[in-house]
C-alpha cells in the first residue's frame, strides 16, 4: 500500500467524522435541550452530557397537550400539517404525472423547451406572489382555509415535480412501452402497468420533496391562517410559540423535535428510493 493510498484512506475517515459531527450535533443538542428541565438548563446551559436526574418529558406533554388543557396544542397543529402536506402530495402527483409523461413522450411544438418553462416560476421570490394570492384567495373565499393553503402549495410544487418526473421518464426506453403496446395495452394501460412501476423511485423522491415543502412552509401559512388558530400548521404554531416571552426554551426545542421527526422518519424509510430517484435522469434530460 503506497503512502498516497494510506493518506487518502485516513483523510476519508477524517472527513466522514467531521461531516457526521457537523450534521448530527445540532440535532443532538436540540433533542438534549428538549428533555432537560428548565432549572438544569439555566444552571448549566453548555452541558452536553447532563445527569440522568436532569432529564424530563414534561416538555413534550406540555407542547402536545391541547390549549384547553393548559398546553400548547401542537398535536392538533400536527394534524393540520399532515392533512395539508399529504393532500398536497396526492394532488401534485396526480397532476404532475400526466404532465411529465406528456412532456417526455408526446410530440408537439416546443417540446424540448417547454419543460424549462415549468421552472420559470422559481425566478420570482415567494414574497412577490404573496400579496396577489392573498387578494385573489380572499375574493374567492379560500383564505383562512386549509384547502386554499393546499392549492397554493400545489401551485408551488407542481412545476418542479413535472421537471423531476419528466427527467426520470426520459430514461425509461420507449421500446418497453412499444412492446407493451404490441401485447395489446393501450396508452393508459401501458402507463399504469409498465411506466409507473418503473418510475416508482422518482415518484417516491418527488412525493417526499413535495411533502417537505408543504410541511415546512411558513410564509403562506402565516398569511392565510393567522386569524384562526384552530387551522394553524405546526410551523406557524411553533413560530408563534417562539415569539412568546413566557414559553420556556426547552418547550420550544420539544416543539422543534416534534416538527422534525416526521421528516426524518420519512427520509430514512424512503432513503434508497430517494437516492435513486434524485440521481436518476442526471445523464439524460
C-alpha atoms as a PDB file:
ATOM      1  CA  UNK A   1       0.000   0.000   0.000  1.00  0.00           C
ATOM      2  CA  UNK A   2       1.509   3.323  -1.075  1.00  0.00           C
ATOM      3  CA  UNK A   3       1.802   6.397   1.115  1.00  0.00           C
ATOM      4  CA  UNK A   4      -0.751   8.205  -1.068  1.00  0.00           C
ATOM      5  CA  UNK A   5      -3.320   5.421  -0.622  1.00  0.00           C
ATOM      6  CA  UNK A   6      -2.880   5.418   3.170  1.00  0.00           C
ATOM      7  CA  UNK A   7      -3.084   9.232   3.284  1.00  0.00           C
ATOM      8  CA  UNK A   8      -6.345   9.379   1.341  1.00  0.00           C
ATOM      9  CA  UNK A   9      -7.721   6.498   3.428  1.00  0.00           C
ATOM     10  CA  UNK A  10      -7.109   8.488   6.624  1.00  0.00           C
ATOM     11  CA  UNK A  11      -8.425  11.726   5.110  1.00  0.00           C
ATOM     12  CA  UNK A  12     -11.600   9.934   4.031  1.00  0.00           C
ATOM     13  CA  UNK A  13     -12.407   8.868   7.589  1.00  0.00           C
ATOM     14  CA  UNK A  14     -11.454  12.269   8.991  1.00  0.00           C
ATOM     15  CA  UNK A  15     -13.849  13.901   6.531  1.00  0.00           C
ATOM     16  CA  UNK A  16     -16.640  11.436   7.371  1.00  0.00           C
ATOM     17  CA  UNK A  17     -16.218  12.070  11.103  1.00  0.00           C
ATOM     18  CA  UNK A  18     -16.211  15.869  10.672  1.00  0.00           C
ATOM     19  CA  UNK A  19     -19.310  15.799   8.465  1.00  0.00           C
ATOM     20  CA  UNK A  20     -21.104  13.425  10.855  1.00  0.00           C
ATOM     21  CA  UNK A  21     -20.388  15.686  13.831  1.00  0.00           C
ATOM     22  CA  UNK A  22     -21.416  18.825  11.913  1.00  0.00           C
ATOM     23  CA  UNK A  23     -24.646  17.135  10.829  1.00  0.00           C
ATOM     24  CA  UNK A  24     -25.680  15.242  13.941  1.00  0.00           C
ATOM     25  CA  UNK A  25     -24.513  17.513  16.757  1.00  0.00           C
ATOM     26  CA  UNK A  26     -27.109  20.299  16.186  1.00  0.00           C
ATOM     27  CA  UNK A  27     -29.903  17.705  16.194  1.00  0.00           C
ATOM     28  CA  UNK A  28     -28.438  16.026  19.279  1.00  0.00           C
ATOM     29  CA  UNK A  29     -28.246  19.364  21.103  1.00  0.00           C
ATOM     30  CA  UNK A  30     -31.820  20.199  20.118  1.00  0.00           C
ATOM     31  CA  UNK A  31     -33.073  16.863  21.468  1.00  0.00           C
ATOM     32  CA  UNK A  32     -30.930  17.298  24.584  1.00  0.00           C
ATOM     33  CA  UNK A  33     -32.421  20.707  25.338  1.00  0.00           C
ATOM     34  CA  UNK A  34     -35.938  19.369  24.806  1.00  0.00           C
ATOM     35  CA  UNK A  35     -35.577  16.730  27.537  1.00  0.00           C
ATOM     36  CA  UNK A  36     -33.774  18.828  30.166  1.00  0.00           C
ATOM     37  CA  UNK A  37     -35.516  20.628  32.968  1.00  0.00           C
ATOM     38  CA  UNK A  38     -35.584  24.416  32.846  1.00  0.00           C
ATOM     39  CA  UNK A  39     -33.614  24.696  36.100  1.00  0.00           C
ATOM     40  CA  UNK A  40     -30.868  22.404  34.819  1.00  0.00           C
ATOM     41  CA  UNK A  41     -30.618  24.369  31.581  1.00  0.00           C
ATOM     42  CA  UNK A  42     -30.315  27.698  33.400  1.00  0.00           C
ATOM     43  CA  UNK A  43     -27.621  26.378  35.750  1.00  0.00           C
ATOM     44  CA  UNK A  44     -25.541  24.555  33.118  1.00  0.00           C
ATOM     45  CA  UNK A  45     -26.518  25.789  29.643  1.00  0.00           C
ATOM     46  CA  UNK A  46     -23.412  24.385  27.920  1.00  0.00           C
ATOM     47  CA  UNK A  47     -23.512  20.916  29.466  1.00  0.00           C
ATOM     48  CA  UNK A  48     -23.811  18.354  26.661  1.00  0.00           C
ATOM     49  CA  UNK A  49     -23.712  15.324  28.992  1.00  0.00           C
ATOM     50  CA  UNK A  50     -26.151  16.137  31.816  1.00  0.00           C
ATOM     51  CA  UNK A  51     -27.030  13.827  34.685  1.00  0.00           C
ATOM     52  CA  UNK A  52     -29.976  11.434  34.393  1.00  0.00           C
ATOM     53  CA  UNK A  53     -31.777  13.358  37.144  1.00  0.00           C
ATOM     54  CA  UNK A  54     -31.865  16.414  34.848  1.00  0.00           C
ATOM     55  CA  UNK A  55     -33.980  14.685  32.199  1.00  0.00           C
ATOM     56  CA  UNK A  56     -37.730  15.171  31.944  1.00  0.00           C
ATOM     57  CA  UNK A  57     -40.509  14.521  29.430  1.00  0.00           C
ATOM     58  CA  UNK A  58     -42.861  17.174  30.766  1.00  0.00           C
ATOM     59  CA  UNK A  59     -41.770  19.489  27.932  1.00  0.00           C
ATOM     60  CA  UNK A  60     -43.329  17.087  25.399  1.00  0.00           C
ATOM     61  CA  UNK A  61     -46.560  16.707  27.341  1.00  0.00           C
ATOM     62  CA  UNK A  62     -46.739  20.497  27.615  1.00  0.00           C
ATOM     63  CA  UNK A  63     -46.154  21.154  23.947  1.00  0.00           C
ATOM     64  CA  UNK A  64     -48.532  18.415  22.730  1.00  0.00           C
ATOM     65  CA  UNK A  65     -51.362  18.929  25.220  1.00  0.00           C
ATOM     66  CA  UNK A  66     -54.368  20.909  23.994  1.00  0.00           C
ATOM     67  CA  UNK A  67     -54.692  24.601  24.789  1.00  0.00           C
ATOM     68  CA  UNK A  68     -57.866  23.895  26.760  1.00  0.00           C
ATOM     69  CA  UNK A  69     -55.854  21.566  28.996  1.00  0.00           C
ATOM     70  CA  UNK A  70     -53.127  24.133  29.565  1.00  0.00           C
ATOM     71  CA  UNK A  71     -50.710  23.005  26.860  1.00  0.00           C
ATOM     72  CA  UNK A  72     -49.565  24.494  23.572  1.00  0.00           C
ATOM     73  CA  UNK A  73     -51.765  22.337  21.337  1.00  0.00           C
ATOM     74  CA  UNK A  74     -49.115  21.256  18.825  1.00  0.00           C
ATOM     75  CA  UNK A  75     -50.712  17.817  18.425  1.00  0.00           C
ATOM     76  CA  UNK A  76     -53.749  19.417  16.795  1.00  0.00           C
ATOM     77  CA  UNK A  77     -51.475  21.542  14.605  1.00  0.00           C
ATOM     78  CA  UNK A  78     -49.558  18.422  13.582  1.00  0.00           C
ATOM     79  CA  UNK A  79     -52.847  17.018  12.305  1.00  0.00           C
ATOM     80  CA  UNK A  80     -53.445  20.150  10.226  1.00  0.00           C
ATOM     81  CA  UNK A  81     -49.919  19.979   8.788  1.00  0.00           C
ATOM     82  CA  UNK A  82     -50.265  16.277   7.979  1.00  0.00           C
ATOM     83  CA  UNK A  83     -53.608  16.900   6.272  1.00  0.00           C
ATOM     84  CA  UNK A  84     -52.250  19.733   4.118  1.00  0.00           C
ATOM     85  CA  UNK A  85     -48.917  18.024   3.338  1.00  0.00           C
ATOM     86  CA  UNK A  86     -50.423  14.649   2.378  1.00  0.00           C
ATOM     87  CA  UNK A  87     -53.147  16.333   0.346  1.00  0.00           C
ATOM     88  CA  UNK A  88     -50.522  18.395  -1.457  1.00  0.00           C
ATOM     89  CA  UNK A  89     -48.516  15.269  -2.275  1.00  0.00           C
ATOM     90  CA  UNK A  90     -51.546  13.397  -3.639  1.00  0.00           C
ATOM     91  CA  UNK A  91     -52.857  16.280  -5.764  1.00  0.00           C
ATOM     92  CA  UNK A  92     -49.403  17.273  -7.016  1.00  0.00           C
ATOM     93  CA  UNK A  93     -48.511  13.734  -8.100  1.00  0.00           C
ATOM     94  CA  UNK A  94     -51.928  13.246  -9.703  1.00  0.00           C
ATOM     95  CA  UNK A  95     -51.372  16.367 -11.819  1.00  0.00           C
ATOM     96  CA  UNK A  96     -47.632  16.146 -12.438  1.00  0.00           C
ATOM     97  CA  UNK A  97     -47.500  12.510 -13.613  1.00  0.00           C
ATOM     98  CA  UNK A  98     -49.651  13.074 -16.741  1.00  0.00           C
ATOM     99  CA  UNK A  99     -47.848  16.367 -17.378  1.00  0.00           C
ATOM    100  CA  UNK A 100     -44.410  14.785 -17.078  1.00  0.00           C
ATOM    101  CA  UNK A 101     -45.441  11.852 -19.256  1.00  0.00           C
ATOM    102  CA  UNK A 102     -46.742  14.225 -21.930  1.00  0.00           C
ATOM    103  CA  UNK A 103     -43.558  16.303 -21.847  1.00  0.00           C
ATOM    104  CA  UNK A 104     -41.475  13.138 -22.072  1.00  0.00           C
ATOM    105  CA  UNK A 105     -43.350  11.097 -24.684  1.00  0.00           C
ATOM    106  CA  UNK A 106     -45.727  13.171 -26.763  1.00  0.00           C
ATOM    107  CA  UNK A 107     -44.572  15.106 -29.807  1.00  0.00           C
ATOM    108  CA  UNK A 108     -45.624  18.762 -30.005  1.00  0.00           C
ATOM    109  CA  UNK A 109     -44.137  22.112 -30.989  1.00  0.00           C
ATOM    110  CA  UNK A 110     -41.611  23.410 -28.451  1.00  0.00           C
ATOM    111  CA  UNK A 111     -41.433  20.050 -26.645  1.00  0.00           C
ATOM    112  CA  UNK A 112     -37.735  20.396 -25.890  1.00  0.00           C
ATOM    113  CA  UNK A 113     -38.123  23.898 -24.466  1.00  0.00           C
ATOM    114  CA  UNK A 114     -41.409  23.688 -22.605  1.00  0.00           C
ATOM    115  CA  UNK A 115     -40.094  21.832 -19.556  1.00  0.00           C
ATOM    116  CA  UNK A 116     -37.718  24.704 -18.821  1.00  0.00           C
ATOM    117  CA  UNK A 117     -40.736  26.992 -18.610  1.00  0.00           C
ATOM    118  CA  UNK A 118     -42.026  24.867 -15.717  1.00  0.00           C
ATOM    119  CA  UNK A 119     -39.151  26.187 -13.629  1.00  0.00           C
ATOM    120  CA  UNK A 120     -39.656  29.820 -14.657  1.00  0.00           C
ATOM    121  CA  UNK A 121     -41.982  30.317 -11.687  1.00  0.00           C
ATOM    122  CA  UNK A 122     -38.978  29.917  -9.399  1.00  0.00           C
ATOM    123  CA  UNK A 123     -37.439  33.052 -10.892  1.00  0.00           C
ATOM    124  CA  UNK A 124     -39.887  35.008  -8.756  1.00  0.00           C
ATOM    125  CA  UNK A 125     -39.492  35.097  -4.942  1.00  0.00           C
ATOM    126  CA  UNK A 126     -42.500  33.855  -2.996  1.00  0.00           C
ATOM    127  CA  UNK A 127     -42.953  37.245  -1.361  1.00  0.00           C
ATOM    128  CA  UNK A 128     -43.791  38.774  -4.780  1.00  0.00           C
ATOM    129  CA  UNK A 129     -46.652  36.304  -5.196  1.00  0.00           C
ATOM    130  CA  UNK A 130     -47.921  36.605  -1.637  1.00  0.00           C
ATOM    131  CA  UNK A 131     -49.987  39.797  -1.976  1.00  0.00           C
ATOM    132  CA  UNK A 132     -51.668  38.911  -5.325  1.00  0.00           C
ATOM    133  CA  UNK A 133     -52.516  35.453  -4.000  1.00  0.00           C
ATOM    134  CA  UNK A 134     -53.825  36.952  -0.765  1.00  0.00           C
ATOM    135  CA  UNK A 135     -56.204  39.233  -2.713  1.00  0.00           C
ATOM    136  CA  UNK A 136     -57.325  36.507  -5.144  1.00  0.00           C
ATOM    137  CA  UNK A 137     -57.965  33.936  -2.428  1.00  0.00           C
ATOM    138  CA  UNK A 138     -59.772  36.491  -0.266  1.00  0.00           C
ATOM    139  CA  UNK A 139     -62.191  37.250  -3.102  1.00  0.00           C
ATOM    140  CA  UNK A 140     -62.588  33.535  -3.841  1.00  0.00           C
ATOM    141  CA  UNK A 141     -63.359  32.760  -0.198  1.00  0.00           C
ATOM    142  CA  UNK A 142     -60.400  30.406   0.128  1.00  0.00           C
ATOM    143  CA  UNK A 143     -58.366  32.470   2.572  1.00  0.00           C
ATOM    144  CA  UNK A 144     -58.399  31.236   6.138  1.00  0.00           C
ATOM    145  CA  UNK A 145     -58.893  27.653   4.941  1.00  0.00           C
ATOM    146  CA  UNK A 146     -56.628  24.625   4.662  1.00  0.00           C
ATOM    147  CA  UNK A 147     -57.963  23.993   1.150  1.00  0.00           C
ATOM    148  CA  UNK A 148     -56.715  27.389  -0.024  1.00  0.00           C
ATOM    149  CA  UNK A 149     -53.309  26.702   1.507  1.00  0.00           C
ATOM    150  CA  UNK A 150     -53.213  23.313  -0.223  1.00  0.00           C
ATOM    151  CA  UNK A 151     -53.933  24.970  -3.587  1.00  0.00           C
ATOM    152  CA  UNK A 152     -51.016  27.368  -3.077  1.00  0.00           C
ATOM    153  CA  UNK A 153     -48.658  24.534  -2.152  1.00  0.00           C
ATOM    154  CA  UNK A 154     -49.717  22.500  -5.195  1.00  0.00           C
ATOM    155  CA  UNK A 155     -49.067  25.515  -7.436  1.00  0.00           C
ATOM    156  CA  UNK A 156     -45.624  25.892  -5.870  1.00  0.00           C
ATOM    157  CA  UNK A 157     -44.635  22.237  -6.097  1.00  0.00           C
ATOM    158  CA  UNK A 158     -46.173  21.288  -9.453  1.00  0.00           C
ATOM    159  CA  UNK A 159     -43.520  22.800 -11.809  1.00  0.00           C
ATOM    160  CA  UNK A 160     -40.536  21.193 -10.129  1.00  0.00           C
ATOM    161  CA  UNK A 161     -42.435  17.912  -9.770  1.00  0.00           C
ATOM    162  CA  UNK A 162     -43.078  17.806 -13.514  1.00  0.00           C
ATOM    163  CA  UNK A 163     -39.424  18.633 -14.143  1.00  0.00           C
ATOM    164  CA  UNK A 164     -38.156  15.863 -11.854  1.00  0.00           C
ATOM    165  CA  UNK A 165     -40.568  13.229 -13.152  1.00  0.00           C
ATOM    166  CA  UNK A 166     -40.021  14.192 -16.771  1.00  0.00           C
ATOM    167  CA  UNK A 167     -36.261  13.670 -16.439  1.00  0.00           C
ATOM    168  CA  UNK A 168     -36.791  10.204 -14.982  1.00  0.00           C
ATOM    169  CA  UNK A 169     -39.407   9.150 -17.524  1.00  0.00           C
ATOM    170  CA  UNK A 170     -36.996  10.155 -20.295  1.00  0.00           C
ATOM    171  CA  UNK A 171     -34.574   7.492 -19.046  1.00  0.00           C
ATOM    172  CA  UNK A 172     -37.124   4.702 -19.497  1.00  0.00           C
ATOM    173  CA  UNK A 173     -36.682   3.223 -23.007  1.00  0.00           C
ATOM    174  CA  UNK A 174     -39.670   3.813 -25.221  1.00  0.00           C
ATOM    175  CA  UNK A 175     -39.123   0.328 -26.676  1.00  0.00           C
ATOM    176  CA  UNK A 176     -40.507  -1.146 -23.430  1.00  0.00           C
ATOM    177  CA  UNK A 177     -43.752   0.760 -23.904  1.00  0.00           C
ATOM    178  CA  UNK A 178     -43.843  -0.235 -27.573  1.00  0.00           C
ATOM    179  CA  UNK A 179     -43.534  -3.883 -26.549  1.00  0.00           C
ATOM    180  CA  UNK A 180     -46.410  -3.419 -24.104  1.00  0.00           C
ATOM    181  CA  UNK A 181     -48.480  -1.843 -26.890  1.00  0.00           C
ATOM    182  CA  UNK A 182     -47.787  -4.833 -29.148  1.00  0.00           C
ATOM    183  CA  UNK A 183     -49.090  -7.061 -26.341  1.00  0.00           C
ATOM    184  CA  UNK A 184     -52.399  -5.222 -26.543  1.00  0.00           C
ATOM    185  CA  UNK A 185     -52.048  -2.462 -23.944  1.00  0.00           C
ATOM    186  CA  UNK A 186     -53.404   0.968 -24.734  1.00  0.00           C
ATOM    187  CA  UNK A 187     -51.713   4.227 -23.738  1.00  0.00           C
ATOM    188  CA  UNK A 188     -53.274   4.278 -20.256  1.00  0.00           C
ATOM    189  CA  UNK A 189     -52.706   0.552 -19.741  1.00  0.00           C
ATOM    190  CA  UNK A 190     -49.043   0.914 -20.642  1.00  0.00           C
ATOM    191  CA  UNK A 191     -48.700   3.914 -18.357  1.00  0.00           C
ATOM    192  CA  UNK A 192     -50.329   2.089 -15.434  1.00  0.00           C
ATOM    193  CA  UNK A 193     -48.795  -1.384 -15.849  1.00  0.00           C
ATOM    194  CA  UNK A 194     -45.335  -0.559 -17.202  1.00  0.00           C
ATOM    195  CA  UNK A 195     -44.256   3.068 -16.869  1.00  0.00           C
ATOM    196  CA  UNK A 196     -45.423   3.924 -13.363  1.00  0.00           C
ATOM    197  CA  UNK A 197     -43.883   0.814 -11.700  1.00  0.00           C
ATOM    198  CA  UNK A 198     -40.564   1.578 -13.412  1.00  0.00           C
ATOM    199  CA  UNK A 199     -40.805   5.206 -12.279  1.00  0.00           C
ATOM    200  CA  UNK A 200     -41.526   4.306  -8.630  1.00  0.00           C
ATOM    201  CA  UNK A 201     -38.163   5.621  -7.277  1.00  0.00           C
ATOM    202  CA  UNK A 202     -38.684   9.020  -8.883  1.00  0.00           C
ATOM    203  CA  UNK A 203     -42.329   9.166  -7.761  1.00  0.00           C
ATOM    204  CA  UNK A 204     -41.302   8.461  -4.163  1.00  0.00           C
ATOM    205  CA  UNK A 205     -38.487  11.026  -4.293  1.00  0.00           C
ATOM    206  CA  UNK A 206     -40.776  13.657  -5.780  1.00  0.00           C
ATOM    207  CA  UNK A 207     -43.519  12.907  -3.258  1.00  0.00           C
ATOM    208  CA  UNK A 208     -41.098  13.242  -0.361  1.00  0.00           C
ATOM    209  CA  UNK A 209     -39.757  16.519  -1.763  1.00  0.00           C
ATOM    210  CA  UNK A 210     -43.286  17.904  -2.080  1.00  0.00           C
ATOM    211  CA  UNK A 211     -44.141  16.717   1.437  1.00  0.00           C
ATOM    212  CA  UNK A 212     -41.135  18.547   2.889  1.00  0.00           C
ATOM    213  CA  UNK A 213     -42.102  21.753   1.075  1.00  0.00           C
ATOM    214  CA  UNK A 214     -45.662  21.645   2.405  1.00  0.00           C
ATOM    215  CA  UNK A 215     -44.636  20.501   5.900  1.00  0.00           C
ATOM    216  CA  UNK A 216     -42.054  23.232   6.493  1.00  0.00           C
ATOM    217  CA  UNK A 217     -43.652  26.145   4.629  1.00  0.00           C
ATOM    218  CA  UNK A 218     -44.294  29.192   6.796  1.00  0.00           C
ATOM    219  CA  UNK A 219     -44.921  32.381   4.757  1.00  0.00           C
ATOM    220  CA  UNK A 220     -48.243  31.430   3.154  1.00  0.00           C
ATOM    221  CA  UNK A 221     -49.428  29.651   6.306  1.00  0.00           C
ATOM    222  CA  UNK A 222     -48.882  32.882   8.226  1.00  0.00           C
ATOM    223  CA  UNK A 223     -50.566  34.962   5.522  1.00  0.00           C
ATOM    224  CA  UNK A 224     -53.620  32.742   5.103  1.00  0.00           C
ATOM    225  CA  UNK A 225     -54.279  31.196   8.518  1.00  0.00           C
ATOM    226  CA  UNK A 226     -53.046  33.573  11.205  1.00  0.00           C
ATOM    227  CA  UNK A 227     -56.549  34.722  12.163  1.00  0.00           C
ATOM    228  CA  UNK A 228     -57.841  31.271  13.142  1.00  0.00           C
ATOM    229  CA  UNK A 229     -55.618  29.285  15.490  1.00  0.00           C
ATOM    230  CA  UNK A 230     -57.554  26.049  15.047  1.00  0.00           C
ATOM    231  CA  UNK A 231     -56.334  25.915  11.427  1.00  0.00           C
ATOM    232  CA  UNK A 232     -52.678  26.711  12.050  1.00  0.00           C
ATOM    233  CA  UNK A 233     -49.993  24.389  10.726  1.00  0.00           C
ATOM    234  CA  UNK A 234     -47.278  23.231  13.088  1.00  0.00           C
ATOM    235  CA  UNK A 235     -44.584  25.526  11.620  1.00  0.00           C
ATOM    236  CA  UNK A 236     -46.853  28.519  12.200  1.00  0.00           C
ATOM    237  CA  UNK A 237     -47.678  27.361  15.721  1.00  0.00           C
ATOM    238  CA  UNK A 238     -44.017  26.882  16.560  1.00  0.00           C
ATOM    239  CA  UNK A 239     -43.130  30.362  15.307  1.00  0.00           C
ATOM    240  CA  UNK A 240     -45.864  31.873  17.455  1.00  0.00           C
ATOM    241  CA  UNK A 241     -44.503  29.990  20.464  1.00  0.00           C
ATOM    242  CA  UNK A 242     -41.025  31.361  19.747  1.00  0.00           C
ATOM    243  CA  UNK A 243     -42.425  34.891  19.933  1.00  0.00           C
ATOM    244  CA  UNK A 244     -43.894  34.318  23.390  1.00  0.00           C
ATOM    245  CA  UNK A 245     -41.888  35.653  26.351  1.00  0.00           C
ATOM    246  CA  UNK A 246     -43.320  33.119  28.809  1.00  0.00           C
ATOM    247  CA  UNK A 247     -42.587  29.986  26.780  1.00  0.00           C
ATOM    248  CA  UNK A 248     -39.537  28.088  28.115  1.00  0.00           C
ATOM    249  CA  UNK A 249     -36.853  27.370  25.549  1.00  0.00           C
ATOM    250  CA  UNK A 250     -36.959  23.687  26.457  1.00  0.00           C
ATOM    251  CA  UNK A 251     -40.591  23.591  25.315  1.00  0.00           C
ATOM    252  CA  UNK A 252     -39.597  25.299  22.059  1.00  0.00           C
ATOM    253  CA  UNK A 253     -36.937  22.667  21.496  1.00  0.00           C
ATOM    254  CA  UNK A 254     -39.518  19.932  22.150  1.00  0.00           C
ATOM    255  CA  UNK A 255     -41.739  21.546  19.513  1.00  0.00           C
ATOM    256  CA  UNK A 256     -38.813  21.670  17.083  1.00  0.00           C
ATOM    257  CA  UNK A 257     -38.151  17.966  17.628  1.00  0.00           C
ATOM    258  CA  UNK A 258     -41.829  17.182  17.050  1.00  0.00           C
ATOM    259  CA  UNK A 259     -41.698  19.189  13.812  1.00  0.00           C
ATOM    260  CA  UNK A 260     -38.523  17.437  12.630  1.00  0.00           C
ATOM    261  CA  UNK A 261     -39.218  13.787  13.490  1.00  0.00           C
ATOM    262  CA  UNK A 262     -41.814  13.068  10.726  1.00  0.00           C
ATOM    263  CA  UNK A 263     -39.383  14.299   8.060  1.00  0.00           C
ATOM    264  CA  UNK A 264     -36.540  12.205   9.490  1.00  0.00           C
ATOM    265  CA  UNK A 265     -38.708   9.067   9.639  1.00  0.00           C
ATOM    266  CA  UNK A 266     -39.926   9.512   6.067  1.00  0.00           C
ATOM    267  CA  UNK A 267     -36.409  10.212   4.821  1.00  0.00           C
ATOM    268  CA  UNK A 268     -34.928   7.053   6.318  1.00  0.00           C
ATOM    269  CA  UNK A 269     -37.937   4.956   5.278  1.00  0.00           C
ATOM    270  CA  UNK A 270     -37.538   6.045   1.654  1.00  0.00           C
ATOM    271  CA  UNK A 271     -33.770   6.626   1.644  1.00  0.00           C
ATOM    272  CA  UNK A 272     -32.949   4.022  -1.001  1.00  0.00           C
ATOM    273  CA  UNK A 273     -35.681   5.092  -3.383  1.00  0.00           C
ATOM    274  CA  UNK A 274     -34.949   8.762  -2.651  1.00  0.00           C
ATOM    275  CA  UNK A 275     -31.276   8.480  -3.595  1.00  0.00           C
ATOM    276  CA  UNK A 276     -32.106   6.541  -6.744  1.00  0.00           C
ATOM    277  CA  UNK A 277     -34.870   8.928  -7.730  1.00  0.00           C
ATOM    278  CA  UNK A 278     -32.866  12.106  -7.200  1.00  0.00           C
ATOM    279  CA  UNK A 279     -29.861  10.924  -9.205  1.00  0.00           C
ATOM    280  CA  UNK A 280     -31.887   9.365 -11.995  1.00  0.00           C
ATOM    281  CA  UNK A 281     -32.150  11.388 -15.158  1.00  0.00           C
ATOM    282  CA  UNK A 282     -28.832  13.099 -14.451  1.00  0.00           C
ATOM    283  CA  UNK A 283     -27.329  11.819 -17.714  1.00  0.00           C
ATOM    284  CA  UNK A 284     -30.358  12.463 -19.878  1.00  0.00           C
ATOM    285  CA  UNK A 285     -32.765  15.350 -19.592  1.00  0.00           C
END
